[in-house]
Amino acid sequence: MTSETSSARAMMVQDWGGPDTLQEVSFPVPDPGPGEVVIDVRASACNFFDALIIAGQYQEKPPLPFAPGAEVSGTVRAVGEGVTHVNVGQRVLAMLPYGGFASVVTAPASGVYGIPDAMPFDQAAALGIVYQTSYFGLDYRANLQSGETLLVHAAAGGVGLAAVQIGKAMGARVLGTAGTSEKCKLAEEHGCDKCFNYREDDWRTLTKEMTEGRGADVIYDPVGGAVFDTSMRTLAFGGRLLVIGFASGKIPTVKANYVLLKNISVVGLHWGAYRKYDPSKIDEAMSKLFTMYEAGDIKPLVSGSWPLAEASSAIKALMSRKTVGKIVLTP
């Protein structure tokens, strides 16, 4: 079942390099194959890993040429054989391996979800991967419990704000770190009980003071490097250090004596692997996230919007680390 056809646009990577290598390309709107959904895109979210994919530095390299972008929202244009959970004209979000920087995308039906009526398209595009990542990390991997203390690094970024909001919704006391006083204020406005400016504050000492010397029960670390090492020493007895990524560019090593002496756990999360090994958990998490959204417990922060044709500028802004929350492209 399909609607009228026309041409579409995408920002394509023709060869590995920086954001300036993105080129606008027109292409015919495709027909969906079995198990596929074609979506008229209203918003495409940008992520830090998009910059790595463009440069050929991500763990997965799509075949050239390709469009980056793993999160979109819009309306269903056409559905392929066997697709029954969404209909033509329905408002949806979709999570893709890549290809989202486009005005029309073809998505695997398994990654397409109908969105609440009141959810704006920009928030829908910003919800998928970062909120999935934070929910998986805090619930499935770190087993965060109500009443525990959660410390979130990079608390004003996309995954950081998601972790702050979800941690608060799960009943934790949430502390955070960020690189400026303005970012700390933003994190506190979105649920962080106290945020420390890591450029000025001794966040390890302050975390210890706020927990009567115990330390944090769970630490959410998308940064790596020296932050990881200090986090190991900031965990409470029996605490869990959640490894989300390495935005610092430095992959740390684990000092096993800390793990032994304090009975702590170092827990990794590669959310994308669940697509292969346990996709039912993604559906379960999305249902819980929509429930949190409709209850007002979570709300994606979209801090900026660029036209699709200016995708390179959006990626540069993201790489500068001056952005907060999520930024989106609008075709």
C-alpha atoms as a PDB file:
ATOM      1  CA  MET A   1       0.000   0.000   0.000  1.00  0.00           C
ATOM      2  CA  THR A   2       1.603   3.285  -1.034  1.00  0.00           C
ATOM      3  CA  SER A   3       0.917   6.949  -1.758  1.00  0.00           C
ATOM      4  CA  GLU A   4       2.024   9.061  -4.705  1.00  0.00           C
ATOM      5  CA  THR A   5       5.674   8.951  -5.729  1.00  0.00           C
ATOM      6  CA  SER A   6       8.119  11.826  -6.134  1.00  0.00           C
ATOM      7  CA  SER A   7      11.780  12.556  -5.616  1.00  0.00           C
ATOM      8  CA  ALA A   8      13.472  12.776  -2.261  1.00  0.00           C
ATOM      9  CA  ARG A   9      16.694  14.313  -0.928  1.00  0.00           C
ATOM     10  CA  ALA A  10      19.482  12.986   1.267  1.00  0.00           C
ATOM     11  CA  MET A  11      22.798  14.237   2.625  1.00  0.00           C
ATOM     12  CA  MET A  12      25.244  11.598   1.465  1.00  0.00           C
ATOM     13  CA  VAL A  13      28.735  10.538   2.460  1.00  0.00           C
ATOM     14  CA  GLN A  14      30.609   9.890  -0.782  1.00  0.00           C
ATOM     15  CA  ASP A  15      33.981   9.296   0.890  1.00  0.00           C
ATOM     16  CA  TRP A  16      35.276   9.257   4.470  1.00  0.00           C
ATOM     17  CA  GLY A  17      36.111  12.618   6.005  1.00  0.00           C
ATOM     18  CA  GLY A  18      34.686  15.480   8.029  1.00  0.00           C
ATOM     19  CA  PRO A  19      31.161  16.909   8.021  1.00  0.00           C
ATOM     20  CA  ASP A  20      31.948  19.063   4.982  1.00  0.00           C
ATOM     21  CA  THR A  21      32.086  15.909   2.861  1.00  0.00           C
ATOM     22  CA  LEU A  22      28.278  15.591   3.071  1.00  0.00           C
ATOM     23  CA  GLN A  23      26.639  16.260  -0.287  1.00  0.00           C
ATOM     24  CA  GLU A  24      22.963  16.778  -1.084  1.00  0.00           C
ATOM     25  CA  VAL A  25      21.682  14.144  -3.522  1.00  0.00           C
ATOM     26  CA  SER A  26      18.234  13.610  -5.059  1.00  0.00           C
ATOM     27  CA  PHE A  27      16.824  10.113  -5.522  1.00  0.00           C
ATOM     28  CA  PRO A  28      13.504   8.509  -6.476  1.00  0.00           C
ATOM     29  CA  VAL A  29      11.242   7.655  -3.570  1.00  0.00           C
ATOM     30  CA  PRO A  30      11.595   3.895  -3.077  1.00  0.00           C
ATOM     31  CA  ASP A  31       8.847   1.329  -2.733  1.00  0.00           C
ATOM     32  CA  PRO A  32       8.936  -0.690   0.497  1.00  0.00           C
ATOM     33  CA  GLY A  33      10.027  -4.303   0.395  1.00  0.00           C
ATOM     34  CA  PRO A  34       8.588  -6.990   2.650  1.00  0.00           C
ATOM     35  CA  GLY A  35       8.906  -5.942   6.297  1.00  0.00           C
ATOM     36  CA  GLU A  36       9.778  -2.341   5.420  1.00  0.00           C
ATOM     37  CA  VAL A  37       8.161   1.038   6.030  1.00  0.00           C
ATOM     38  CA  VAL A  38       8.707   4.163   3.900  1.00  0.00           C
ATOM     39  CA  ILE A  39       8.468   7.346   5.963  1.00  0.00           C
ATOM     40  CA  ASP A  40       8.081  10.996   4.977  1.00  0.00           C
ATOM     41  CA  VAL A  41      10.576  12.511   7.404  1.00  0.00           C
ATOM     42  CA  ARG A  42       9.655  15.503   9.528  1.00  0.00           C
ATOM     43  CA  ALA A  43      12.757  15.477  11.766  1.00  0.00           C
ATOM     44  CA  SER A  44      16.107  13.649  11.836  1.00  0.00           C
ATOM     45  CA  ALA A  45      18.116  13.635  15.062  1.00  0.00           C
ATOM     46  CA  CYS A  46      21.889  14.085  15.132  1.00  0.00           C
ATOM     47  CA  ASN A  47      24.155  12.057  17.394  1.00  0.00           C
ATOM     48  CA  PHE A  48      27.857  12.199  18.205  1.00  0.00           C
ATOM     49  CA  PHE A  49      28.361   8.827  16.544  1.00  0.00           C
ATOM     50  CA  ASP A  50      27.160  10.333  13.249  1.00  0.00           C
ATOM     51  CA  ALA A  51      30.402  12.336  13.133  1.00  0.00           C
ATOM     52  CA  LEU A  52      32.368   9.133  13.683  1.00  0.00           C
ATOM     53  CA  ILE A  53      30.445   7.307  10.949  1.00  0.00           C
ATOM     54  CA  ILE A  54      31.073  10.164   8.484  1.00  0.00           C
ATOM     55  CA  ALA A  55      34.800   9.955   9.268  1.00  0.00           C
ATOM     56  CA  GLY A  56      34.869   6.156   8.952  1.00  0.00           C
ATOM     57  CA  GLN A  57      35.864   5.871  12.621  1.00  0.00           C
ATOM     58  CA  TYR A  58      32.792   4.094  13.974  1.00  0.00           C
ATOM     59  CA  GLN A  59      32.732   0.368  14.742  1.00  0.00           C
ATOM     60  CA  GLU A  60      30.335  -0.133  11.831  1.00  0.00           C
ATOM     61  CA  LYS A  61      31.137   1.197   8.354  1.00  0.00           C
ATOM     62  CA  PRO A  62      28.196   1.374   5.942  1.00  0.00           C
ATOM     63  CA  PRO A  63      29.024   0.810   2.283  1.00  0.00           C
ATOM     64  CA  LEU A  64      29.700   4.036   0.394  1.00  0.00           C
ATOM     65  CA  PRO A  65      27.802   6.121  -0.544  1.00  0.00           C
ATOM     66  CA  PHE A  66      25.320   6.392   2.308  1.00  0.00           C
ATOM     67  CA  ALA A  67      23.418   8.917   4.394  1.00  0.00           C
ATOM     68  CA  PRO A  68      24.192   9.034   8.126  1.00  0.00           C
ATOM     69  CA  GLY A  69      21.437   9.431  10.687  1.00  0.00           C
ATOM     70  CA  ALA A  70      19.884   6.747  12.874  1.00  0.00           C
ATOM     71  CA  GLU A  71      16.760   8.455  14.267  1.00  0.00           C
ATOM     72  CA  VAL A  72      13.839   9.989  12.388  1.00  0.00           C
ATOM     73  CA  SER A  73      10.206  10.857  12.898  1.00  0.00           C
ATOM     74  CA  GLY A  74       7.474  11.546  10.387  1.00  0.00           C
ATOM     75  CA  THR A  75       4.418  10.002   8.784  1.00  0.00           C
ATOM     76  CA  VAL A  76       4.126   6.601   7.139  1.00  0.00           C
ATOM     77  CA  ARG A  77       4.103   6.936   3.366  1.00  0.00           C
ATOM     78  CA  ALA A  78       3.919   3.247   2.458  1.00  0.00           C
ATOM     79  CA  VAL A  79       4.169  -0.163   4.111  1.00  0.00           C
ATOM     80  CA  GLY A  80       5.533  -3.387   2.707  1.00  0.00           C
ATOM     81  CA  GLU A  81       4.180  -6.895   2.804  1.00  0.00           C
ATOM     82  CA  GLY A  82       3.718  -8.264   6.302  1.00  0.00           C
ATOM     83  CA  VAL A  83       3.691  -4.894   8.073  1.00  0.00           C
ATOM     84  CA  THR A  84       0.589  -4.614  10.224  1.00  0.00           C
ATOM     85  CA  HIS A  85       1.528  -2.593  13.326  1.00  0.00           C
ATOM     86  CA  VAL A  86       1.637   0.798  11.553  1.00  0.00           C
ATOM     87  CA  ASN A  87      -0.531   2.267   8.805  1.00  0.00           C
ATOM     88  CA  VAL A  88      -0.178   4.797   5.989  1.00  0.00           C
ATOM     89  CA  GLY A  89      -0.515   8.314   7.407  1.00  0.00           C
ATOM     90  CA  GLN A  90       0.362   7.304  10.960  1.00  0.00           C
ATOM     91  CA  ARG A  91       2.772   9.461  13.004  1.00  0.00           C
ATOM     92  CA  VAL A  92       5.851   7.393  13.869  1.00  0.00           C
ATOM     93  CA  LEU A  93       9.458   7.412  14.978  1.00  0.00           C
ATOM     94  CA  ALA A  94      12.024   5.049  13.516  1.00  0.00           C
ATOM     95  CA  MET A  95      15.466   3.860  14.514  1.00  0.00           C
ATOM     96  CA  LEU A  96      17.714   2.929  11.592  1.00  0.00           C
ATOM     97  CA  PRO A  97      21.215   1.539  11.133  1.00  0.00           C
ATOM     98  CA  TYR A  98      21.879   4.645   8.994  1.00  0.00           C
ATOM     99  CA  GLY A  99      20.161   6.665   6.245  1.00  0.00           C
ATOM    100  CA  GLY A 100      18.198   9.104   8.385  1.00  0.00           C
ATOM    101  CA  PHE A 101      19.577  12.358   6.945  1.00  0.00           C
ATOM    102  CA  ALA A 102      16.952  12.348   4.210  1.00  0.00           C
ATOM    103  CA  SER A 103      13.483  13.645   3.390  1.00  0.00           C
ATOM    104  CA  VAL A 104      12.211  10.103   2.844  1.00  0.00           C
ATOM    105  CA  VAL A 105      13.608   6.945   4.434  1.00  0.00           C
ATOM    106  CA  THR A 106      13.017   3.229   4.204  1.00  0.00           C
ATOM    107  CA  ALA A 107      13.087   1.669   7.658  1.00  0.00           C
ATOM    108  CA  PRO A 108      12.936  -1.907   8.919  1.00  0.00           C
ATOM    109  CA  ALA A 109       9.441  -2.309  10.333  1.00  0.00           C
ATOM    110  CA  SER A 110      10.907  -3.710  13.553  1.00  0.00           C
ATOM    111  CA  GLY A 111      12.377  -0.274  14.324  1.00  0.00           C
ATOM    112  CA  VAL A 112       9.223   1.751  13.624  1.00  0.00           C
ATOM    113  CA  TYR A 113       6.876   2.784  16.440  1.00  0.00           C
ATOM    114  CA  GLY A 114       3.683   4.790  16.509  1.00  0.00           C
ATOM    115  CA  ILE A 115       4.101   7.853  18.720  1.00  0.00           C
ATOM    116  CA  PRO A 116       1.698   9.494  21.202  1.00  0.00           C
ATOM    117  CA  ASP A 117      -0.627  12.041  19.612  1.00  0.00           C
ATOM    118  CA  ALA A 118       0.734  14.887  21.729  1.00  0.00           C
ATOM    119  CA  MET A 119       4.429  14.193  20.965  1.00  0.00           C
ATOM    120  CA  PRO A 120       5.965  16.765  18.558  1.00  0.00           C
ATOM    121  CA  PHE A 121       8.013  15.367  15.701  1.00  0.00           C
ATOM    122  CA  ASP A 122      11.288  16.916  16.895  1.00  0.00           C
ATOM    123  CA  GLN A 123      10.908  15.324  20.341  1.00  0.00           C
ATOM    124  CA  ALA A 124       9.973  12.001  18.739  1.00  0.00           C
ATOM    125  CA  ALA A 125      13.156  12.004  16.654  1.00  0.00           C
ATOM    126  CA  ALA A 126      15.157  12.811  19.787  1.00  0.00           C
ATOM    127  CA  LEU A 127      13.600  10.085  21.914  1.00  0.00           C
ATOM    128  CA  GLY A 128      14.701   6.849  20.301  1.00  0.00           C
ATOM    129  CA  ILE A 129      18.319   5.918  20.751  1.00  0.00           C
ATOM    130  CA  VAL A 130      19.422   8.131  23.655  1.00  0.00           C
ATOM    131  CA  TYR A 131      16.419   7.304  25.821  1.00  0.00           C
ATOM    132  CA  GLN A 132      16.640   3.637  24.861  1.00  0.00           C
ATOM    133  CA  THR A 133      20.339   3.689  25.751  1.00  0.00           C
ATOM    134  CA  SER A 134      19.749   5.326  29.107  1.00  0.00           C
ATOM    135  CA  TYR A 135      16.814   3.087  29.996  1.00  0.00           C
ATOM    136  CA  PHE A 136      18.679  -0.092  29.051  1.00  0.00           C
ATOM    137  CA  GLY A 137      21.732   1.041  30.967  1.00  0.00           C
ATOM    138  CA  LEU A 138      19.992   2.083  34.157  1.00  0.00           C
ATOM    139  CA  ASP A 139      17.344  -0.637  34.332  1.00  0.00           C
ATOM    140  CA  TYR A 140      18.555  -3.758  32.535  1.00  0.00           C
ATOM    141  CA  ARG A 141      22.306  -3.377  33.019  1.00  0.00           C
ATOM    142  CA  ALA A 142      22.894  -1.389  36.240  1.00  0.00           C
ATOM    143  CA  ASN A 143      19.690  -2.448  38.035  1.00  0.00           C
ATOM    144  CA  LEU A 144      19.201   1.045  39.487  1.00  0.00           C
ATOM    145  CA  GLN A 145      16.907   0.965  42.512  1.00  0.00           C
ATOM    146  CA  SER A 146      14.636   3.598  44.013  1.00  0.00           C
ATOM    147  CA  GLY A 147      16.495   5.467  46.767  1.00  0.00           C
ATOM    148  CA  GLU A 148      19.956   4.858  45.312  1.00  0.00           C
ATOM    149  CA  THR A 149      22.301   7.648  44.223  1.00  0.00           C
ATOM    150  CA  LEU A 150      23.001   7.942  40.500  1.00  0.00           C
ATOM    151  CA  LEU A 151      25.859  10.093  39.167  1.00  0.00           C
ATOM    152  CA  VAL A 152      25.527  11.058  35.495  1.00  0.00           C
ATOM    153  CA  HIS A 153      28.525  12.398  33.579  1.00  0.00           C
ATOM    154  CA  ALA A 154      27.928  14.831  30.683  1.00  0.00           C
ATOM    155  CA  ALA A 155      24.548  15.418  32.279  1.00  0.00           C
ATOM    156  CA  ALA A 156      23.504  18.174  29.860  1.00  0.00           C
ATOM    157  CA  GLY A 157      24.125  16.172  26.691  1.00  0.00           C
ATOM    158  CA  GLY A 158      21.655  14.007  24.811  1.00  0.00           C
ATOM    159  CA  VAL A 159      22.222  10.713  26.622  1.00  0.00           C
ATOM    160  CA  GLY A 160      23.055  12.524  29.853  1.00  0.00           C
ATOM    161  CA  LEU A 161      19.760  14.401  30.089  1.00  0.00           C
ATOM    162  CA  ALA A 162      17.931  11.201  29.194  1.00  0.00           C
ATOM    163  CA  ALA A 163      19.734   9.403  32.029  1.00  0.00           C
ATOM    164  CA  VAL A 164      18.939  12.221  34.471  1.00  0.00           C
ATOM    165  CA  GLN A 165      15.226  12.150  33.635  1.00  0.00           C
ATOM    166  CA  ILE A 166      14.932   8.351  33.628  1.00  0.00           C
ATOM    167  CA  GLY A 167      16.958   7.998  36.832  1.00  0.00           C
ATOM    168  CA  LYS A 168      14.670  10.489  38.539  1.00  0.00           C
ATOM    169  CA  ALA A 169      11.590   8.662  37.217  1.00  0.00           C
ATOM    170  CA  MET A 170      13.009   5.438  38.683  1.00  0.00           C
ATOM    171  CA  GLY A 171      13.210   7.024  42.113  1.00  0.00           C
ATOM    172  CA  ALA A 172      16.945   7.683  42.381  1.00  0.00           C
ATOM    173  CA  ARG A 173      18.695  10.726  43.776  1.00  0.00           C
ATOM    174  CA  VAL A 174      20.491  12.100  40.721  1.00  0.00           C
ATOM    175  CA  LEU A 175      23.816  13.929  40.732  1.00  0.00           C
ATOM    176  CA  GLY A 176      25.571  15.091  37.582  1.00  0.00           C
ATOM    177  CA  THR A 177      28.669  16.623  36.061  1.00  0.00           C
ATOM    178  CA  ALA A 178      28.913  19.075  33.164  1.00  0.00           C
ATOM    179  CA  GLY A 179      31.485  21.444  31.709  1.00  0.00           C
ATOM    180  CA  THR A 180      29.906  24.835  32.441  1.00  0.00           C
ATOM    181  CA  SER A 181      27.701  26.423  35.062  1.00  0.00           C
ATOM    182  CA  GLU A 182      25.056  26.986  32.393  1.00  0.00           C
ATOM    183  CA  LYS A 183      25.004  23.285  31.511  1.00  0.00           C
ATOM    184  CA  CYS A 184      24.786  22.384  35.188  1.00  0.00           C
ATOM    185  CA  LYS A 185      21.820  24.709  35.601  1.00  0.00           C
ATOM    186  CA  LEU A 186      20.136  23.061  32.614  1.00  0.00           C
ATOM    187  CA  ALA A 187      20.698  19.585  34.064  1.00  0.00           C
ATOM    188  CA  GLU A 188      19.190  20.714  37.361  1.00  0.00           C
ATOM    189  CA  GLU A 189      16.182  22.172  35.552  1.00  0.00           C
ATOM    190  CA  HIS A 190      15.587  18.726  34.034  1.00  0.00           C
ATOM    191  CA  GLY A 191      15.711  16.717  37.241  1.00  0.00           C
ATOM    192  CA  CYS A 192      19.308  16.625  38.472  1.00  0.00           C
ATOM    193  CA  ASP A 193      19.350  17.161  42.250  1.00  0.00           C
ATOM    194  CA  LYS A 194      22.841  18.652  42.074  1.00  0.00           C
ATOM    195  CA  CYS A 195      25.204  19.127  39.150  1.00  0.00           C
ATOM    196  CA  PHE A 196      28.936  19.801  39.505  1.00  0.00           C
ATOM    197  CA  ASN A 197      31.007  21.852  37.069  1.00  0.00           C
ATOM    198  CA  TYR A 198      33.867  19.425  36.475  1.00  0.00           C
ATOM    199  CA  ARG A 199      36.159  22.258  35.334  1.00  0.00           C
ATOM    200  CA  GLU A 200      35.850  23.975  38.727  1.00  0.00           C
ATOM    201  CA  ASP A 201      34.481  21.462  41.246  1.00  0.00           C
ATOM    202  CA  ASP A 202      36.063  18.403  42.826  1.00  0.00           C
ATOM    203  CA  TRP A 203      33.065  16.261  41.897  1.00  0.00           C
ATOM    204  CA  ARG A 204      34.470  13.125  43.541  1.00  0.00           C
ATOM    205  CA  THR A 205      34.821  14.805  46.933  1.00  0.00           C
ATOM    206  CA  LEU A 206      31.443  16.525  46.602  1.00  0.00           C
ATOM    207  CA  THR A 207      29.741  13.249  45.647  1.00  0.00           C
ATOM    208  CA  LYS A 208      31.267  11.590  48.703  1.00  0.00           C
ATOM    209  CA  GLU A 209      30.101  14.462  50.908  1.00  0.00           C
ATOM    210  CA  MET A 210      26.547  14.262  49.562  1.00  0.00           C
ATOM    211  CA  THR A 211      26.421  10.513  50.214  1.00  0.00           C
ATOM    212  CA  GLU A 212      27.843  10.583  53.759  1.00  0.00           C
ATOM    213  CA  GLY A 213      31.119   9.170  52.453  1.00  0.00           C
ATOM    214  CA  ARG A 214      29.587   6.188  50.639  1.00  0.00           C
ATOM    215  CA  GLY A 215      29.876   7.324  47.033  1.00  0.00           C
ATOM    216  CA  ALA A 216      27.436   6.803  44.175  1.00  0.00           C
ATOM    217  CA  ASP A 217      25.593   3.504  43.782  1.00  0.00           C
ATOM    218  CA  VAL A 218      25.514   3.826  39.980  1.00  0.00           C
ATOM    219  CA  ILE A 219      27.710   6.005  37.760  1.00  0.00           C
ATOM    220  CA  TYR A 220      26.651   6.617  34.153  1.00  0.00           C
ATOM    221  CA  ASP A 221      29.762   7.271  32.041  1.00  0.00           C
ATOM    222  CA  PRO A 222      29.588   8.222  28.361  1.00  0.00           C
ATOM    223  CA  VAL A 223      32.978   9.987  28.602  1.00  0.00           C
ATOM    224  CA  GLY A 224      35.680   7.440  29.467  1.00  0.00           C
ATOM    225  CA  GLY A 225      39.311   8.432  29.886  1.00  0.00           C
ATOM    226  CA  ALA A 226      40.275  10.036  33.189  1.00  0.00           C
ATOM    227  CA  VAL A 227      36.590  10.401  34.140  1.00  0.00           C
ATOM    228  CA  PHE A 228      36.310   6.600  34.208  1.00  0.00           C
ATOM    229  CA  ASP A 229      39.327   6.253  36.492  1.00  0.00           C
ATOM    230  CA  THR A 230      37.984   8.786  38.991  1.00  0.00           C
ATOM    231  CA  SER A 231      34.528   7.219  38.800  1.00  0.00           C
ATOM    232  CA  MET A 232      35.988   3.889  39.888  1.00  0.00           C
ATOM    233  CA  ARG A 233      37.134   5.583  43.106  1.00  0.00           C
ATOM    234  CA  THR A 234      33.792   7.358  43.554  1.00  0.00           C
ATOM    235  CA  LEU A 235      31.597   4.252  43.622  1.00  0.00           C
ATOM    236  CA  ALA A 236      29.978   3.051  46.820  1.00  0.00           C
ATOM    237  CA  PHE A 237      30.567  -0.470  48.090  1.00  0.00           C
ATOM    238  CA  GLY A 238      28.698  -2.773  45.703  1.00  0.00           C
ATOM    239  CA  GLY A 239      28.297   0.050  43.162  1.00  0.00           C
ATOM    240  CA  ARG A 240      27.985  -0.271  39.399  1.00  0.00           C
ATOM    241  CA  LEU A 241      29.956   1.727  36.827  1.00  0.00           C
ATOM    242  CA  LEU A 242      28.019   1.860  33.580  1.00  0.00           C
ATOM    243  CA  VAL A 243      30.213   2.188  30.470  1.00  0.00           C
ATOM    244  CA  ILE A 244      28.200   3.973  27.746  1.00  0.00           C
ATOM    245  CA  GLY A 245      30.910   5.373  25.469  1.00  0.00           C
ATOM    246  CA  PHE A 246      34.163   7.250  25.137  1.00  0.00           C
ATOM    247  CA  ALA A 247      33.362  10.830  24.146  1.00  0.00           C
ATOM    248  CA  SER A 248      36.750  11.881  25.546  1.00  0.00           C
ATOM    249  CA  GLY A 249      38.394   9.861  22.795  1.00  0.00           C
ATOM    250  CA  LYS A 250      40.322   7.794  25.351  1.00  0.00           C
ATOM    251  CA  ILE A 251      39.391   4.206  26.137  1.00  0.00           C
ATOM    252  CA  PRO A 252      40.285   3.462  29.781  1.00  0.00           C
ATOM    253  CA  THR A 253      41.505   0.235  31.336  1.00  0.00           C
ATOM    254  CA  VAL A 254      39.984  -1.376  34.409  1.00  0.00           C
ATOM    255  CA  LYS A 255      42.015  -1.550  37.610  1.00  0.00           C
ATOM    256  CA  ALA A 256      40.845  -4.911  38.864  1.00  0.00           C
ATOM    257  CA  ASN A 257      41.935  -4.270  42.449  1.00  0.00           C
ATOM    258  CA  TYR A 258      39.212  -1.621  42.790  1.00  0.00           C
ATOM    259  CA  VAL A 259      36.661  -4.107  41.475  1.00  0.00           C
ATOM    260  CA  LEU A 260      37.808  -6.688  44.006  1.00  0.00           C
ATOM    261  CA  LEU A 261      38.196  -4.557  47.120  1.00  0.00           C
ATOM    262  CA  LYS A 262      34.864  -2.701  46.880  1.00  0.00           C
ATOM    263  CA  ASN A 263      32.805  -5.497  45.295  1.00  0.00           C
ATOM    264  CA  ILE A 264      31.910  -3.186  42.425  1.00  0.00           C
ATOM    265  CA  SER A 265      30.761  -4.043  38.914  1.00  0.00           C
ATOM    266  CA  VAL A 266      31.892  -2.493  35.637  1.00  0.00           C
ATOM    267  CA  VAL A 267      28.986  -2.968  33.244  1.00  0.00           C
ATOM    268  CA  GLY A 268      29.029  -2.276  29.526  1.00  0.00           C
ATOM    269  CA  LEU A 269      26.168  -1.296  27.261  1.00  0.00           C
ATOM    270  CA  HIS A 270      26.220  -1.571  23.475  1.00  0.00           C
ATOM    271  CA  TRP A 271      22.557  -0.858  22.843  1.00  0.00           C
ATOM    272  CA  GLY A 272      22.726  -1.666  19.139  1.00  0.00           C
ATOM    273  CA  ALA A 273      23.679  -5.269  19.885  1.00  0.00           C
ATOM    274  CA  TYR A 274      20.221  -5.861  21.336  1.00  0.00           C
ATOM    275  CA  ARG A 275      18.808  -5.472  17.837  1.00  0.00           C
ATOM    276  CA  LYS A 276      20.540  -8.744  17.033  1.00  0.00           C
ATOM    277  CA  TYR A 277      20.540 -10.645  20.309  1.00  0.00           C
ATOM    278  CA  ASP A 278      17.352  -9.617  22.141  1.00  0.00           C
ATOM    279  CA  PRO A 279      15.137  -7.282  20.080  1.00  0.00           C
ATOM    280  CA  SER A 280      12.069  -7.919  22.238  1.00  0.00           C
ATOM    281  CA  LYS A 281      13.699  -5.866  24.995  1.00  0.00           C
ATOM    282  CA  ILE A 282      13.778  -2.833  22.674  1.00  0.00           C
ATOM    283  CA  ASP A 283      10.014  -3.068  22.180  1.00  0.00           C
ATOM    284  CA  GLU A 284       9.529  -3.467  25.933  1.00  0.00           C
ATOM    285  CA  ALA A 285      11.707  -0.441  26.681  1.00  0.00           C
ATOM    286  CA  MET A 286       9.935   1.710  24.088  1.00  0.00           C
ATOM    287  CA  SER A 287       6.572   0.926  25.645  1.00  0.00           C
ATOM    288  CA  LYS A 288       7.901   1.948  29.065  1.00  0.00           C
ATOM    289  CA  LEU A 289       9.418   5.146  27.649  1.00  0.00           C
ATOM    290  CA  PHE A 290       6.130   6.176  26.032  1.00  0.00           C
ATOM    291  CA  THR A 291       4.412   5.584  29.380  1.00  0.00           C
ATOM    292  CA  MET A 292       7.013   7.796  31.102  1.00  0.00           C
ATOM    293  CA  TYR A 293       6.550  10.474  28.428  1.00  0.00           C
ATOM    294  CA  GLU A 294       2.777  10.541  28.743  1.00  0.00           C
ATOM    295  CA  ALA A 295       3.120  10.738  32.533  1.00  0.00           C
ATOM    296  CA  GLY A 296       5.399  13.777  32.143  1.00  0.00           C
ATOM    297  CA  ASP A 297       8.413  12.009  33.669  1.00  0.00           C
ATOM    298  CA  ILE A 298      10.615  12.418  30.587  1.00  0.00           C
ATOM    299  CA  LYS A 299      10.737  15.043  27.851  1.00  0.00           C
ATOM    300  CA  PRO A 300      13.467  15.201  25.201  1.00  0.00           C
ATOM    301  CA  LEU A 301      15.180  18.586  25.003  1.00  0.00           C
ATOM    302  CA  VAL A 302      15.700  19.739  21.411  1.00  0.00           C
ATOM    303  CA  SER A 303      18.036  22.709  21.626  1.00  0.00           C
ATOM    304  CA  GLY A 304      18.548  23.431  17.944  1.00  0.00           C
ATOM    305  CA  SER A 305      17.216  22.752  14.465  1.00  0.00           C
ATOM    306  CA  TRP A 306      18.959  22.988  11.092  1.00  0.00           C
ATOM    307  CA  PRO A 307      17.605  22.514   7.569  1.00  0.00           C
ATOM    308  CA  LEU A 308      18.542  19.136   6.103  1.00  0.00           C
ATOM    309  CA  ALA A 309      20.844  20.836   3.573  1.00  0.00           C
ATOM    310  CA  GLU A 310      22.878  22.275   6.475  1.00  0.00           C
ATOM    311  CA  ALA A 311      23.578  18.911   8.078  1.00  0.00           C
ATOM    312  CA  SER A 312      27.329  19.592   8.073  1.00  0.00           C
ATOM    313  CA  SER A 313      26.823  22.689  10.251  1.00  0.00           C
ATOM    314  CA  ALA A 314      24.671  20.703  12.662  1.00  0.00           C
ATOM    315  CA  ILE A 315      27.328  18.001  13.011  1.00  0.00           C
ATOM    316  CA  LYS A 316      30.032  20.621  13.572  1.00  0.00           C
ATOM    317  CA  ALA A 317      27.949  22.190  16.339  1.00  0.00           C
ATOM    318  CA  LEU A 318      27.592  18.777  17.951  1.00  0.00           C
ATOM    319  CA  MET A 319      31.330  18.108  17.708  1.00  0.00           C
ATOM    320  CA  SER A 320      32.108  21.461  19.357  1.00  0.00           C
ATOM    321  CA  ARG A 321      30.466  20.143  22.557  1.00  0.00           C
ATOM    322  CA  LYS A 322      28.705  23.489  22.911  1.00  0.00           C
ATOM    323  CA  THR A 323      25.266  21.999  22.317  1.00  0.00           C
ATOM    324  CA  VAL A 324      22.918  20.645  24.964  1.00  0.00           C
ATOM    325  CA  GLY A 325      20.244  17.986  24.648  1.00  0.00           C
ATOM    326  CA  LYS A 326      19.598  16.961  21.048  1.00  0.00           C
ATOM    327  CA  ILE A 327      19.744  18.815  17.738  1.00  0.00           C
ATOM    328  CA  VAL A 328      17.657  17.883  14.714  1.00  0.00           C
ATOM    329  CA  LEU A 329      17.488  18.343  10.960  1.00  0.00           C
ATOM    330  CA  THR A 330      14.225  19.269   9.270  1.00  0.00           C
ATOM    331  CA  PRO A 331      13.646  18.459   5.583  1.00  0.00           C
END
